[in-house]
């Protein structure tokens, strides 16, 4: 997992929160990943990144205008930069270590 992240580290790319959950190895799914990010203070209740995460350049907010029959609507989308995914991967591995049998299975199967 980390090897793929390290390869992409030099690129100015972003991923969705759901994609980041998968890339970090978070085993709770996208919704629980959002909850965990809010509990850790990385995201605010409105899913905007905290100032600390923006200052570290781990998260970015894009805005899009959605055209409708009435008025255009401005939509904000929070995405995680590749270096943010690398940082979160380390935290996920530390806070949610694999159980010994699972870790052994992965090791034996070169996963």
Protein backbone atom coordinates (compact mmCIF):
# COMPACT_ATOMS: atom_id res chain seq x y z
CA UNK A 1 0.00 0.00 0.00
CA UNK A 2 2.65 2.53 1.03
CA UNK A 3 4.78 1.74 -2.02
CA UNK A 4 2.00 2.92 -4.35
CA UNK A 5 1.57 6.06 -2.26
CA UNK A 6 5.31 6.75 -2.31
CA UNK A 7 5.38 6.43 -6.11
CA UNK A 8 2.62 9.03 -6.44
CA UNK A 9 4.06 11.33 -3.75
CA UNK A 10 5.74 13.64 -6.24
CA UNK A 11 2.58 14.29 -8.23
CA UNK A 12 0.06 17.01 -7.49
CA UNK A 13 -2.90 14.66 -7.39
CA UNK A 14 -5.81 14.32 -5.04
CA UNK A 15 -8.14 11.52 -4.08
CA UNK A 16 -11.63 11.45 -2.63
CA UNK A 17 -12.16 10.63 1.03
CA UNK A 18 -13.53 7.20 0.00
CA UNK A 19 -10.49 6.48 -2.15
CA UNK A 20 -8.23 7.58 0.70
CA UNK A 21 -9.99 5.16 3.06
CA UNK A 22 -9.06 2.30 0.73
CA UNK A 23 -5.51 3.53 0.09
CA UNK A 24 -4.77 3.91 3.80
CA UNK A 25 -6.02 0.42 4.58
CA UNK A 26 -8.77 1.76 6.85
CA UNK A 27 -11.05 -1.23 7.35
CA UNK A 28 -14.22 0.57 8.47
CA UNK A 29 -15.40 1.94 5.13
CA UNK A 30 -15.90 5.46 3.86
CA UNK A 31 -18.48 6.61 6.42
CA UNK A 32 -16.44 5.49 9.41
CA UNK A 33 -13.35 7.04 7.83
CA UNK A 34 -15.18 10.39 7.68
CA UNK A 35 -16.13 9.92 11.36
CA UNK A 36 -12.55 9.07 12.31
CA UNK A 37 -11.20 12.12 10.44
CA UNK A 38 -13.67 14.36 12.29
CA UNK A 39 -12.88 12.78 15.69
CA UNK A 40 -9.15 13.28 15.08
CA UNK A 41 -9.78 16.94 14.22
CA UNK A 42 -8.67 16.60 10.60
CA UNK A 43 -12.13 17.51 9.31
CA UNK A 44 -14.61 19.98 10.75
CA UNK A 45 -18.27 18.95 11.25
CA UNK A 46 -19.07 20.35 7.78
CA UNK A 47 -16.31 18.12 6.27
CA UNK A 48 -14.04 21.05 5.50
CA UNK A 49 -10.43 20.34 6.48
CA UNK A 50 -9.12 21.89 9.66
CA UNK A 51 -6.78 24.83 9.31
CA UNK A 52 -3.91 22.64 10.53
CA UNK A 53 -4.47 20.12 7.71
CA UNK A 54 -4.70 22.90 5.13
CA UNK A 55 -1.53 24.50 6.48
CA UNK A 56 0.26 21.15 6.12
CA UNK A 57 -1.10 21.00 2.56
CA UNK A 58 -2.67 17.55 3.13
CA UNK A 59 -6.24 18.49 2.14
CA UNK A 60 -7.71 20.79 -0.47
CA UNK A 61 -11.22 22.07 -1.10
CA UNK A 62 -12.46 22.41 -4.65
CA UNK A 63 -15.57 24.33 -5.56
CA UNK A 64 -17.84 23.54 -8.44
CA UNK A 65 -20.80 25.42 -9.80
CA UNK A 66 -23.74 23.17 -10.56
CA UNK A 67 -26.10 24.65 -13.09
CA UNK A 68 -29.80 24.12 -12.59
CA UNK A 69 -33.05 25.43 -14.05
CA UNK A 70 -33.16 28.11 -11.37
CA UNK A 71 -29.93 29.39 -9.87
CA UNK A 72 -26.42 28.00 -10.08
CA UNK A 73 -25.35 26.30 -6.85
CA UNK A 74 -21.84 26.37 -5.47
CA UNK A 75 -20.71 22.95 -4.20
CA UNK A 76 -17.57 22.37 -2.11
CA UNK A 77 -15.66 19.08 -2.29
CA UNK A 78 -12.89 18.15 0.14
CA UNK A 79 -10.13 15.98 -1.33
CA UNK A 80 -6.90 14.61 0.10
CA UNK A 81 -3.55 15.20 -1.51
CA UNK A 82 -1.23 12.23 -1.97
CA UNK A 83 1.10 13.38 0.81
CA UNK A 84 -1.97 13.58 3.07
CA UNK A 85 -2.81 9.98 2.20
CA UNK A 86 0.74 8.95 3.12
CA UNK A 87 0.43 10.75 6.48
CA UNK A 88 -2.98 9.21 7.19
CA UNK A 89 -1.71 5.75 6.19
CA UNK A 90 0.87 5.88 8.96
CA UNK A 91 -1.75 6.95 11.50
CA UNK A 92 -4.20 4.25 10.41
CA UNK A 93 -1.49 1.58 10.68
CA UNK A 94 -0.57 2.83 14.15
CA UNK A 95 -4.12 3.19 15.50
CA UNK A 96 -5.64 0.12 13.83
CA UNK A 97 -2.93 -2.54 13.69
CA UNK A 98 -3.76 -5.87 12.13
CA UNK A 99 -4.40 -8.73 14.51
CA UNK A 100 -1.39 -11.10 14.69
CA UNK A 101 -3.03 -13.91 12.65
CA UNK A 102 -4.05 -11.44 9.91
CA UNK A 103 -0.60 -9.86 9.81
CA UNK A 104 0.99 -13.31 9.57
CA UNK A 105 -1.34 -14.31 6.71
CA UNK A 106 -0.46 -11.14 4.78
CA UNK A 107 3.23 -11.71 5.41
CA UNK A 108 3.09 -15.36 4.29
CA UNK A 109 1.20 -14.47 1.13
CA UNK A 110 3.45 -11.50 0.30
CA UNK A 111 0.49 -9.10 0.33
